[in-house]
């Protein structure tokens, strides 16, 4: 498939993320620079796929401009990266991946096919025919609970279940705090890849009804492989500075698993992206999906 300069290679070759808090972020030539009491740090914008801005950060217009020019996404988060407040636009300007995603998500049969492919990619098993979406979610829940139990046994970390309060992150026990921090980071990285690939973060298949539904779908593919072991391993090694240590542990897992090389390829496989997708969806009307709308007079042509 022909690739434009605004697509996958730049994301695939990038460093996964850089977290910044309590700093001013400004432009320095074709890079950004963080200014803190401890000094200045130069960050090459072209080599980072995601900048995460935590509490106490200010970023200039010039810095945002150079980040967008270099295809680096920006995520504004709350304390310890637990909450996502806003997400900066990525670099992709094509819409055919979005059209394909919408076509599959709006048809119950094709949506179920995508859900089945997601399940198989996560757990390496095929689902029985005739299962409803709620039943598939039930099977998924059982598998995830098994993954938690296995990690607890492997790393010797007590596990009482996934419990947290979105409004009071600090009251969670250490392992739940680590899991929340790791999952927030994985969500941000997947969000960055989704935007870079020209997909919609809100058009999900398993998850629906939220602006991050597709992000949750894709991030779930990697939790049992990356964030669950990263969180349990972090707590097994100590319970101080959990947020910073789990981010570093996730970075290690991202590199070892070559995650940035895999995310968009996995999405292509899940959505069965055609080889000549540009030709299929570069029409006016763009595809059979929309043709009826034009014919029925919904749009004034």
C-alpha atoms as a PDB file:
ATOM      1  CA  UNK A   1       0.000   0.000   0.000  1.00  0.00           C
ATOM      2  CA  UNK A   2       1.268   3.475  -0.832  1.00  0.00           C
ATOM      3  CA  UNK A   3       2.059   5.504   2.274  1.00  0.00           C
ATOM      4  CA  UNK A   4       2.161   9.271   2.497  1.00  0.00           C
ATOM      5  CA  UNK A   5       4.658  11.253   4.548  1.00  0.00           C
ATOM      6  CA  UNK A   6       1.918  11.925   7.095  1.00  0.00           C
ATOM      7  CA  UNK A   7       1.389   8.329   8.164  1.00  0.00           C
ATOM      8  CA  UNK A   8       2.921   5.317   9.872  1.00  0.00           C
ATOM      9  CA  UNK A   9       6.724   5.504   9.370  1.00  0.00           C
ATOM     10  CA  UNK A  10       7.159   8.559  11.565  1.00  0.00           C
ATOM     11  CA  UNK A  11       5.172   7.027  14.435  1.00  0.00           C
ATOM     12  CA  UNK A  12       6.893   3.651  14.088  1.00  0.00           C
ATOM     13  CA  UNK A  13      10.350   5.174  14.333  1.00  0.00           C
ATOM     14  CA  UNK A  14       9.576   7.448  17.291  1.00  0.00           C
ATOM     15  CA  UNK A  15      10.402   7.229  20.970  1.00  0.00           C
ATOM     16  CA  UNK A  16       7.169   6.294  22.724  1.00  0.00           C
ATOM     17  CA  UNK A  17       6.500   9.259  25.036  1.00  0.00           C
ATOM     18  CA  UNK A  18       7.935  12.008  27.216  1.00  0.00           C
ATOM     19  CA  UNK A  19       6.218  13.106  30.439  1.00  0.00           C
ATOM     20  CA  UNK A  20       6.594  16.717  31.638  1.00  0.00           C
ATOM     21  CA  UNK A  21       5.298  18.404  34.777  1.00  0.00           C
ATOM     22  CA  UNK A  22       6.013  21.699  36.610  1.00  0.00           C
ATOM     23  CA  UNK A  23       7.736  23.289  33.633  1.00  0.00           C
ATOM     24  CA  UNK A  24       7.374  25.847  30.871  1.00  0.00           C
ATOM     25  CA  UNK A  25       7.571  24.311  27.405  1.00  0.00           C
ATOM     26  CA  UNK A  26       8.822  26.542  24.589  1.00  0.00           C
ATOM     27  CA  UNK A  27      10.184  26.173  21.076  1.00  0.00           C
ATOM     28  CA  UNK A  28      13.917  26.067  20.406  1.00  0.00           C
ATOM     29  CA  UNK A  29      14.559  25.943  16.635  1.00  0.00           C
ATOM     30  CA  UNK A  30      12.952  22.655  15.438  1.00  0.00           C
ATOM     31  CA  UNK A  31      12.708  21.202  18.920  1.00  0.00           C
ATOM     32  CA  UNK A  32      10.982  21.995  22.189  1.00  0.00           C
ATOM     33  CA  UNK A  33      12.685  22.943  25.419  1.00  0.00           C
ATOM     34  CA  UNK A  34      11.472  22.434  28.990  1.00  0.00           C
ATOM     35  CA  UNK A  35      12.375  25.197  31.413  1.00  0.00           C
ATOM     36  CA  UNK A  36      12.447  24.244  35.107  1.00  0.00           C
ATOM     37  CA  UNK A  37      14.215  25.372  38.261  1.00  0.00           C
ATOM     38  CA  UNK A  38      16.746  22.598  37.738  1.00  0.00           C
ATOM     39  CA  UNK A  39      17.628  23.822  34.234  1.00  0.00           C
ATOM     40  CA  UNK A  40      16.673  23.478  30.584  1.00  0.00           C
ATOM     41  CA  UNK A  41      16.178  20.263  28.629  1.00  0.00           C
ATOM     42  CA  UNK A  42      16.059  20.101  24.826  1.00  0.00           C
ATOM     43  CA  UNK A  43      13.647  17.523  23.362  1.00  0.00           C
ATOM     44  CA  UNK A  44      13.743  16.665  19.612  1.00  0.00           C
ATOM     45  CA  UNK A  45      10.114  16.949  18.516  1.00  0.00           C
ATOM     46  CA  UNK A  46      10.581  14.699  15.470  1.00  0.00           C
ATOM     47  CA  UNK A  47      11.670  11.745  17.621  1.00  0.00           C
ATOM     48  CA  UNK A  48       8.784  11.736  20.106  1.00  0.00           C
ATOM     49  CA  UNK A  49       5.354  10.297  19.345  1.00  0.00           C
ATOM     50  CA  UNK A  50       3.582  11.637  22.436  1.00  0.00           C
ATOM     51  CA  UNK A  51       4.192  14.507  24.864  1.00  0.00           C
ATOM     52  CA  UNK A  52       2.267  14.175  28.140  1.00  0.00           C
ATOM     53  CA  UNK A  53       1.761  17.449  30.001  1.00  0.00           C
ATOM     54  CA  UNK A  54       1.092  16.968  33.694  1.00  0.00           C
ATOM     55  CA  UNK A  55       0.266  19.504  36.408  1.00  0.00           C
ATOM     56  CA  UNK A  56       2.103  22.802  36.560  1.00  0.00           C
ATOM     57  CA  UNK A  57       2.965  22.970  32.857  1.00  0.00           C
ATOM     58  CA  UNK A  58       2.583  25.845  30.422  1.00  0.00           C
ATOM     59  CA  UNK A  59       3.217  25.450  26.714  1.00  0.00           C
ATOM     60  CA  UNK A  60       3.674  28.218  24.165  1.00  0.00           C
ATOM     61  CA  UNK A  61       1.952  28.560  20.807  1.00  0.00           C
ATOM     62  CA  UNK A  62       5.345  28.181  19.081  1.00  0.00           C
ATOM     63  CA  UNK A  63       6.007  24.904  20.895  1.00  0.00           C
ATOM     64  CA  UNK A  64       2.606  23.508  19.919  1.00  0.00           C
ATOM     65  CA  UNK A  65       3.246  24.492  16.311  1.00  0.00           C
ATOM     66  CA  UNK A  66       6.549  22.624  16.093  1.00  0.00           C
ATOM     67  CA  UNK A  67       5.041  19.547  17.766  1.00  0.00           C
ATOM     68  CA  UNK A  68       2.178  19.434  15.270  1.00  0.00           C
ATOM     69  CA  UNK A  69       4.574  19.998  12.348  1.00  0.00           C
ATOM     70  CA  UNK A  70       6.559  16.966  13.467  1.00  0.00           C
ATOM     71  CA  UNK A  71       3.579  14.692  14.044  1.00  0.00           C
ATOM     72  CA  UNK A  72       3.962  14.599  17.823  1.00  0.00           C
ATOM     73  CA  UNK A  73       0.663  14.320  19.691  1.00  0.00           C
ATOM     74  CA  UNK A  74       0.074  16.200  22.942  1.00  0.00           C
ATOM     75  CA  UNK A  75      -1.894  14.873  25.915  1.00  0.00           C
ATOM     76  CA  UNK A  76      -2.928  17.115  28.833  1.00  0.00           C
ATOM     77  CA  UNK A  77      -3.407  15.079  32.003  1.00  0.00           C
ATOM     78  CA  UNK A  78      -4.131  15.448  35.681  1.00  0.00           C
ATOM     79  CA  UNK A  79      -1.874  14.567  38.583  1.00  0.00           C
ATOM     80  CA  UNK A  80       0.227  11.450  37.973  1.00  0.00           C
ATOM     81  CA  UNK A  81      -1.212  11.246  34.440  1.00  0.00           C
ATOM     82  CA  UNK A  82      -4.374   9.658  35.848  1.00  0.00           C
ATOM     83  CA  UNK A  83      -6.897  11.836  34.031  1.00  0.00           C
ATOM     84  CA  UNK A  84      -7.015  12.866  30.395  1.00  0.00           C
ATOM     85  CA  UNK A  85      -8.204  16.461  29.974  1.00  0.00           C
ATOM     86  CA  UNK A  86      -7.475  17.139  26.300  1.00  0.00           C
ATOM     87  CA  UNK A  87      -5.652  15.771  23.284  1.00  0.00           C
ATOM     88  CA  UNK A  88      -3.871  17.716  20.560  1.00  0.00           C
ATOM     89  CA  UNK A  89      -4.503  16.940  16.892  1.00  0.00           C
ATOM     90  CA  UNK A  90      -2.063  14.644  15.121  1.00  0.00           C
ATOM     91  CA  UNK A  91      -0.575  15.130  11.694  1.00  0.00           C
ATOM     92  CA  UNK A  92      -2.629  12.874   9.408  1.00  0.00           C
ATOM     93  CA  UNK A  93      -4.842  14.700   6.907  1.00  0.00           C
ATOM     94  CA  UNK A  94      -6.382  11.717   5.098  1.00  0.00           C
ATOM     95  CA  UNK A  95      -9.896  10.435   5.888  1.00  0.00           C
ATOM     96  CA  UNK A  96     -10.107   7.021   4.221  1.00  0.00           C
ATOM     97  CA  UNK A  97      -9.179   5.129   7.402  1.00  0.00           C
ATOM     98  CA  UNK A  98     -11.931   6.991   9.244  1.00  0.00           C
ATOM     99  CA  UNK A  99     -14.445   6.126   6.507  1.00  0.00           C
ATOM    100  CA  UNK A 100     -13.508   2.454   6.730  1.00  0.00           C
ATOM    101  CA  UNK A 101     -13.825   2.526  10.527  1.00  0.00           C
ATOM    102  CA  UNK A 102     -17.246   4.199  10.330  1.00  0.00           C
ATOM    103  CA  UNK A 103     -18.488   1.720   7.735  1.00  0.00           C
ATOM    104  CA  UNK A 104     -17.568  -1.256   9.949  1.00  0.00           C
ATOM    105  CA  UNK A 105     -18.821   0.299  13.190  1.00  0.00           C
ATOM    106  CA  UNK A 106     -22.235   1.209  11.748  1.00  0.00           C
ATOM    107  CA  UNK A 107     -23.084  -2.317  10.574  1.00  0.00           C
ATOM    108  CA  UNK A 108     -23.936  -4.870  13.266  1.00  0.00           C
ATOM    109  CA  UNK A 109     -22.475  -7.799  11.329  1.00  0.00           C
ATOM    110  CA  UNK A 110     -19.140  -6.175  10.486  1.00  0.00           C
ATOM    111  CA  UNK A 111     -18.896  -4.727  13.993  1.00  0.00           C
ATOM    112  CA  UNK A 112     -19.219  -8.218  15.459  1.00  0.00           C
ATOM    113  CA  UNK A 113     -16.545  -9.484  13.072  1.00  0.00           C
ATOM    114  CA  UNK A 114     -14.152  -6.812  14.332  1.00  0.00           C
ATOM    115  CA  UNK A 115     -14.990  -7.645  17.965  1.00  0.00           C
ATOM    116  CA  UNK A 116     -14.204 -11.318  17.306  1.00  0.00           C
ATOM    117  CA  UNK A 117     -10.871 -10.419  15.710  1.00  0.00           C
ATOM    118  CA  UNK A 118     -10.051  -8.253  18.729  1.00  0.00           C
ATOM    119  CA  UNK A 119     -10.819 -11.109  21.103  1.00  0.00           C
ATOM    120  CA  UNK A 120      -8.715 -13.553  19.117  1.00  0.00           C
ATOM    121  CA  UNK A 121      -5.764 -11.141  18.999  1.00  0.00           C
ATOM    122  CA  UNK A 122      -5.916 -10.668  22.781  1.00  0.00           C
ATOM    123  CA  UNK A 123      -6.459 -14.254  23.897  1.00  0.00           C
ATOM    124  CA  UNK A 124      -5.418 -16.336  20.860  1.00  0.00           C
ATOM    125  CA  UNK A 125      -8.705 -18.252  20.770  1.00  0.00           C
ATOM    126  CA  UNK A 126     -11.762 -18.177  18.531  1.00  0.00           C
ATOM    127  CA  UNK A 127     -15.181 -17.411  19.969  1.00  0.00           C
ATOM    128  CA  UNK A 128     -18.177 -19.666  19.469  1.00  0.00           C
ATOM    129  CA  UNK A 129     -20.731 -18.601  16.887  1.00  0.00           C
ATOM    130  CA  UNK A 130     -23.900 -16.884  18.027  1.00  0.00           C
ATOM    131  CA  UNK A 131     -22.512 -15.127  21.102  1.00  0.00           C
ATOM    132  CA  UNK A 132     -23.915 -11.689  21.906  1.00  0.00           C
ATOM    133  CA  UNK A 133     -21.710  -8.692  22.607  1.00  0.00           C
ATOM    134  CA  UNK A 134     -22.552  -8.901  26.323  1.00  0.00           C
ATOM    135  CA  UNK A 135     -21.520 -12.572  26.372  1.00  0.00           C
ATOM    136  CA  UNK A 136     -18.244 -11.722  24.630  1.00  0.00           C
ATOM    137  CA  UNK A 137     -17.610  -9.034  27.226  1.00  0.00           C
ATOM    138  CA  UNK A 138     -18.264 -11.647  29.914  1.00  0.00           C
ATOM    139  CA  UNK A 139     -15.661 -14.008  28.436  1.00  0.00           C
ATOM    140  CA  UNK A 140     -13.255 -11.075  28.229  1.00  0.00           C
ATOM    141  CA  UNK A 141     -13.808 -10.252  31.908  1.00  0.00           C
ATOM    142  CA  UNK A 142     -13.009 -13.821  32.935  1.00  0.00           C
ATOM    143  CA  UNK A 143      -9.756 -13.780  30.942  1.00  0.00           C
ATOM    144  CA  UNK A 144      -8.665 -10.468  32.435  1.00  0.00           C
ATOM    145  CA  UNK A 145      -9.384 -11.624  35.987  1.00  0.00           C
ATOM    146  CA  UNK A 146      -7.263 -14.701  35.292  1.00  0.00           C
ATOM    147  CA  UNK A 147      -4.451 -12.421  34.091  1.00  0.00           C
ATOM    148  CA  UNK A 148      -4.596 -10.423  37.344  1.00  0.00           C
ATOM    149  CA  UNK A 149      -4.509 -13.613  39.422  1.00  0.00           C
ATOM    150  CA  UNK A 150      -1.541 -15.000  37.487  1.00  0.00           C
ATOM    151  CA  UNK A 151       0.390 -11.721  37.829  1.00  0.00           C
ATOM    152  CA  UNK A 152      -0.346 -11.626  41.560  1.00  0.00           C
ATOM    153  CA  UNK A 153       1.066 -15.135  41.966  1.00  0.00           C
ATOM    154  CA  UNK A 154       4.094 -14.490  39.734  1.00  0.00           C
ATOM    155  CA  UNK A 155       5.200 -11.243  41.414  1.00  0.00           C
ATOM    156  CA  UNK A 156       4.028 -11.999  44.956  1.00  0.00           C
ATOM    157  CA  UNK A 157       1.755  -8.942  45.119  1.00  0.00           C
ATOM    158  CA  UNK A 158      -1.544  -9.228  46.981  1.00  0.00           C
ATOM    159  CA  UNK A 159      -4.582  -8.720  44.760  1.00  0.00           C
ATOM    160  CA  UNK A 160      -8.097  -7.945  45.992  1.00  0.00           C
ATOM    161  CA  UNK A 161      -9.634  -6.825  42.715  1.00  0.00           C
ATOM    162  CA  UNK A 162      -9.673  -3.794  40.428  1.00  0.00           C
ATOM    163  CA  UNK A 163     -10.887  -0.958  42.664  1.00  0.00           C
ATOM    164  CA  UNK A 164     -10.385   2.769  42.245  1.00  0.00           C
ATOM    165  CA  UNK A 165     -12.228   6.071  42.504  1.00  0.00           C
ATOM    166  CA  UNK A 166     -11.790   8.368  39.496  1.00  0.00           C
ATOM    167  CA  UNK A 167     -12.233  11.379  41.769  1.00  0.00           C
ATOM    168  CA  UNK A 168      -9.828  10.159  44.471  1.00  0.00           C
ATOM    169  CA  UNK A 169      -6.902   8.359  42.870  1.00  0.00           C
ATOM    170  CA  UNK A 170      -4.836   8.656  46.051  1.00  0.00           C
ATOM    171  CA  UNK A 171      -7.122   6.390  48.076  1.00  0.00           C
ATOM    172  CA  UNK A 172      -6.414   3.322  45.916  1.00  0.00           C
ATOM    173  CA  UNK A 173      -4.090   0.606  47.173  1.00  0.00           C
ATOM    174  CA  UNK A 174      -0.583   0.568  45.600  1.00  0.00           C
ATOM    175  CA  UNK A 175      -1.279  -2.036  42.914  1.00  0.00           C
ATOM    176  CA  UNK A 176      -4.466  -0.303  41.753  1.00  0.00           C
ATOM    177  CA  UNK A 177      -2.596   3.017  41.671  1.00  0.00           C
ATOM    178  CA  UNK A 178       0.116   1.432  39.521  1.00  0.00           C
ATOM    179  CA  UNK A 179      -2.439  -0.135  37.175  1.00  0.00           C
ATOM    180  CA  UNK A 180      -4.282   3.175  36.751  1.00  0.00           C
ATOM    181  CA  UNK A 181      -1.042   5.022  35.952  1.00  0.00           C
ATOM    182  CA  UNK A 182       0.105   2.314  33.515  1.00  0.00           C
ATOM    183  CA  UNK A 183      -3.273   2.147  31.752  1.00  0.00           C
ATOM    184  CA  UNK A 184      -3.461   5.947  31.439  1.00  0.00           C
ATOM    185  CA  UNK A 185      -0.058   5.930  29.758  1.00  0.00           C
ATOM    186  CA  UNK A 186      -1.016   3.082  27.419  1.00  0.00           C
ATOM    187  CA  UNK A 187      -4.280   4.869  26.552  1.00  0.00           C
ATOM    188  CA  UNK A 188      -2.327   8.002  25.681  1.00  0.00           C
ATOM    189  CA  UNK A 189       0.076   6.121  23.426  1.00  0.00           C
ATOM    190  CA  UNK A 190      -2.744   4.268  21.653  1.00  0.00           C
ATOM    191  CA  UNK A 191      -4.659   7.554  21.278  1.00  0.00           C
ATOM    192  CA  UNK A 192      -1.588   9.075  19.655  1.00  0.00           C
ATOM    193  CA  UNK A 193      -1.293   6.157  17.209  1.00  0.00           C
ATOM    194  CA  UNK A 194      -5.012   6.222  16.377  1.00  0.00           C
ATOM    195  CA  UNK A 195      -4.926   9.932  15.569  1.00  0.00           C
ATOM    196  CA  UNK A 196      -1.677   9.509  13.609  1.00  0.00           C
ATOM    197  CA  UNK A 197      -3.323   6.797  11.515  1.00  0.00           C
ATOM    198  CA  UNK A 198      -6.340   8.926  10.688  1.00  0.00           C
ATOM    199  CA  UNK A 199      -8.849   6.959  12.768  1.00  0.00           C
ATOM    200  CA  UNK A 200     -11.461   8.289  15.192  1.00  0.00           C
ATOM    201  CA  UNK A 201     -10.799   7.782  18.930  1.00  0.00           C
ATOM    202  CA  UNK A 202     -14.574   7.754  19.547  1.00  0.00           C
ATOM    203  CA  UNK A 203     -15.788   5.083  17.090  1.00  0.00           C
ATOM    204  CA  UNK A 204     -15.372   1.937  19.140  1.00  0.00           C
ATOM    205  CA  UNK A 205     -16.487  -1.657  18.656  1.00  0.00           C
ATOM    206  CA  UNK A 206     -16.402  -3.320  22.081  1.00  0.00           C
ATOM    207  CA  UNK A 207     -16.570   0.020  23.896  1.00  0.00           C
ATOM    208  CA  UNK A 208     -19.146   2.516  22.648  1.00  0.00           C
ATOM    209  CA  UNK A 209     -20.676   5.840  23.620  1.00  0.00           C
ATOM    210  CA  UNK A 210     -17.512   7.669  24.717  1.00  0.00           C
ATOM    211  CA  UNK A 211     -15.053   9.917  22.929  1.00  0.00           C
ATOM    212  CA  UNK A 212     -12.281   7.449  23.828  1.00  0.00           C
ATOM    213  CA  UNK A 213     -14.109   4.222  22.951  1.00  0.00           C
ATOM    214  CA  UNK A 214     -11.745   3.105  20.180  1.00  0.00           C
ATOM    215  CA  UNK A 215      -8.757   4.049  22.350  1.00  0.00           C
ATOM    216  CA  UNK A 216     -10.041   1.684  25.039  1.00  0.00           C
ATOM    217  CA  UNK A 217     -10.616  -1.038  22.417  1.00  0.00           C
ATOM    218  CA  UNK A 218      -7.045  -0.837  21.150  1.00  0.00           C
ATOM    219  CA  UNK A 219      -5.379  -0.345  24.546  1.00  0.00           C
ATOM    220  CA  UNK A 220      -7.161  -3.474  25.809  1.00  0.00           C
ATOM    221  CA  UNK A 221      -5.235  -5.516  23.229  1.00  0.00           C
ATOM    222  CA  UNK A 222      -2.014  -4.937  25.158  1.00  0.00           C
ATOM    223  CA  UNK A 223      -2.968  -4.755  28.837  1.00  0.00           C
ATOM    224  CA  UNK A 224      -2.357  -8.404  29.740  1.00  0.00           C
ATOM    225  CA  UNK A 225       0.970  -8.235  27.902  1.00  0.00           C
ATOM    226  CA  UNK A 226       2.220  -4.832  29.072  1.00  0.00           C
ATOM    227  CA  UNK A 227       0.438  -2.814  31.746  1.00  0.00           C
ATOM    228  CA  UNK A 228      -0.594  -5.657  34.057  1.00  0.00           C
ATOM    229  CA  UNK A 229       2.921  -7.150  34.358  1.00  0.00           C
ATOM    230  CA  UNK A 230       4.496  -3.666  34.434  1.00  0.00           C
ATOM    231  CA  UNK A 231       2.269  -2.602  37.337  1.00  0.00           C
ATOM    232  CA  UNK A 232       2.722  -5.783  39.368  1.00  0.00           C
ATOM    233  CA  UNK A 233       6.477  -5.820  38.792  1.00  0.00           C
ATOM    234  CA  UNK A 234       6.703  -2.177  39.899  1.00  0.00           C
ATOM    235  CA  UNK A 235       4.891  -2.839  43.180  1.00  0.00           C
ATOM    236  CA  UNK A 236       6.898  -6.013  43.795  1.00  0.00           C
ATOM    237  CA  UNK A 237      10.017  -3.811  43.744  1.00  0.00           C
ATOM    238  CA  UNK A 238       8.650  -1.189  46.153  1.00  0.00           C
ATOM    239  CA  UNK A 239       5.742   1.144  46.896  1.00  0.00           C
ATOM    240  CA  UNK A 240       7.411   4.571  46.747  1.00  0.00           C
ATOM    241  CA  UNK A 241       7.133   6.985  43.800  1.00  0.00           C
ATOM    242  CA  UNK A 242       4.734   4.600  42.106  1.00  0.00           C
ATOM    243  CA  UNK A 243       3.667   6.911  39.264  1.00  0.00           C
ATOM    244  CA  UNK A 244       7.166   7.743  37.994  1.00  0.00           C
ATOM    245  CA  UNK A 245       8.479   4.212  38.429  1.00  0.00           C
ATOM    246  CA  UNK A 246       5.566   2.565  36.643  1.00  0.00           C
ATOM    247  CA  UNK A 247       5.973   4.999  33.723  1.00  0.00           C
ATOM    248  CA  UNK A 248       9.598   3.957  33.403  1.00  0.00           C
ATOM    249  CA  UNK A 249       8.638   0.298  33.643  1.00  0.00           C
ATOM    250  CA  UNK A 250       6.018   0.796  30.912  1.00  0.00           C
ATOM    251  CA  UNK A 251       8.608   2.474  28.696  1.00  0.00           C
ATOM    252  CA  UNK A 252      10.774  -0.624  29.086  1.00  0.00           C
ATOM    253  CA  UNK A 253       7.860  -2.878  28.138  1.00  0.00           C
ATOM    254  CA  UNK A 254       6.933  -0.633  25.180  1.00  0.00           C
ATOM    255  CA  UNK A 255      10.457  -0.970  23.806  1.00  0.00           C
ATOM    256  CA  UNK A 256      10.763  -4.705  24.423  1.00  0.00           C
ATOM    257  CA  UNK A 257       7.380  -5.421  22.819  1.00  0.00           C
ATOM    258  CA  UNK A 258       8.047  -2.999  19.914  1.00  0.00           C
ATOM    259  CA  UNK A 259       4.603  -1.566  20.585  1.00  0.00           C
ATOM    260  CA  UNK A 260       4.910   1.474  18.311  1.00  0.00           C
ATOM    261  CA  UNK A 261       5.702  -0.818  15.386  1.00  0.00           C
ATOM    262  CA  UNK A 262       2.598  -2.883  16.082  1.00  0.00           C
ATOM    263  CA  UNK A 263      -0.336  -0.624  16.940  1.00  0.00           C
ATOM    264  CA  UNK A 264      -1.278   0.681  13.489  1.00  0.00           C
ATOM    265  CA  UNK A 265      -0.496  -2.661  11.850  1.00  0.00           C
ATOM    266  CA  UNK A 266      -2.818  -4.339  14.379  1.00  0.00           C
ATOM    267  CA  UNK A 267      -5.558  -1.790  13.655  1.00  0.00           C
ATOM    268  CA  UNK A 268      -5.168  -2.411   9.918  1.00  0.00           C
ATOM    269  CA  UNK A 269      -5.595  -6.145  10.536  1.00  0.00           C
ATOM    270  CA  UNK A 270      -8.584  -5.716  12.857  1.00  0.00           C
ATOM    271  CA  UNK A 271     -10.395  -3.469  10.385  1.00  0.00           C
ATOM    272  CA  UNK A 272      -9.279  -5.541   7.378  1.00  0.00           C
ATOM    273  CA  UNK A 273      -7.975  -2.435   5.602  1.00  0.00           C
ATOM    274  CA  UNK A 274      -8.030  -3.037   1.813  1.00  0.00           C
ATOM    275  CA  UNK A 275      -4.728  -2.818  -0.067  1.00  0.00           C
ATOM    276  CA  UNK A 276      -6.092  -0.070  -2.338  1.00  0.00           C
ATOM    277  CA  UNK A 277      -8.034   1.762   0.349  1.00  0.00           C
ATOM    278  CA  UNK A 278      -7.261   5.167  -1.174  1.00  0.00           C
ATOM    279  CA  UNK A 279      -9.092   4.166  -4.357  1.00  0.00           C
ATOM    280  CA  UNK A 280     -12.029   2.583  -2.509  1.00  0.00           C
ATOM    281  CA  UNK A 281     -12.724   5.543  -0.217  1.00  0.00           C
ATOM    282  CA  UNK A 282     -11.470   8.466  -2.293  1.00  0.00           C
ATOM    283  CA  UNK A 283     -14.778   8.926  -4.122  1.00  0.00           C
ATOM    284  CA  UNK A 284     -17.511  11.581  -4.100  1.00  0.00           C
ATOM    285  CA  UNK A 285     -19.805  10.279  -2.571  1.00  0.00           C
ATOM    286  CA  UNK A 286     -16.943   8.499  -0.738  1.00  0.00           C
ATOM    287  CA  UNK A 287     -18.463   5.002  -0.650  1.00  0.00           C
ATOM    288  CA  UNK A 288     -21.628   2.949  -0.863  1.00  0.00           C
ATOM    289  CA  UNK A 289     -22.122   3.727   2.829  1.00  0.00           C
ATOM    290  CA  UNK A 290     -22.979   7.355   2.065  1.00  0.00           C
ATOM    291  CA  UNK A 291     -24.516   7.043  -1.387  1.00  0.00           C
ATOM    292  CA  UNK A 292     -28.028   6.579  -0.024  1.00  0.00           C
ATOM    293  CA  UNK A 293     -27.771   9.780   1.955  1.00  0.00           C
ATOM    294  CA  UNK A 294     -27.060  11.774  -1.187  1.00  0.00           C
ATOM    295  CA  UNK A 295     -29.788  10.050  -3.176  1.00  0.00           C
ATOM    296  CA  UNK A 296     -32.363  10.602  -0.417  1.00  0.00           C
ATOM    297  CA  UNK A 297     -31.667  14.294  -0.313  1.00  0.00           C
ATOM    298  CA  UNK A 298     -29.966  14.526   3.072  1.00  0.00           C
ATOM    299  CA  UNK A 299     -27.182  16.573   1.516  1.00  0.00           C
ATOM    300  CA  UNK A 300     -27.609  19.450  -0.878  1.00  0.00           C
ATOM    301  CA  UNK A 301     -25.233  18.774  -3.772  1.00  0.00           C
END
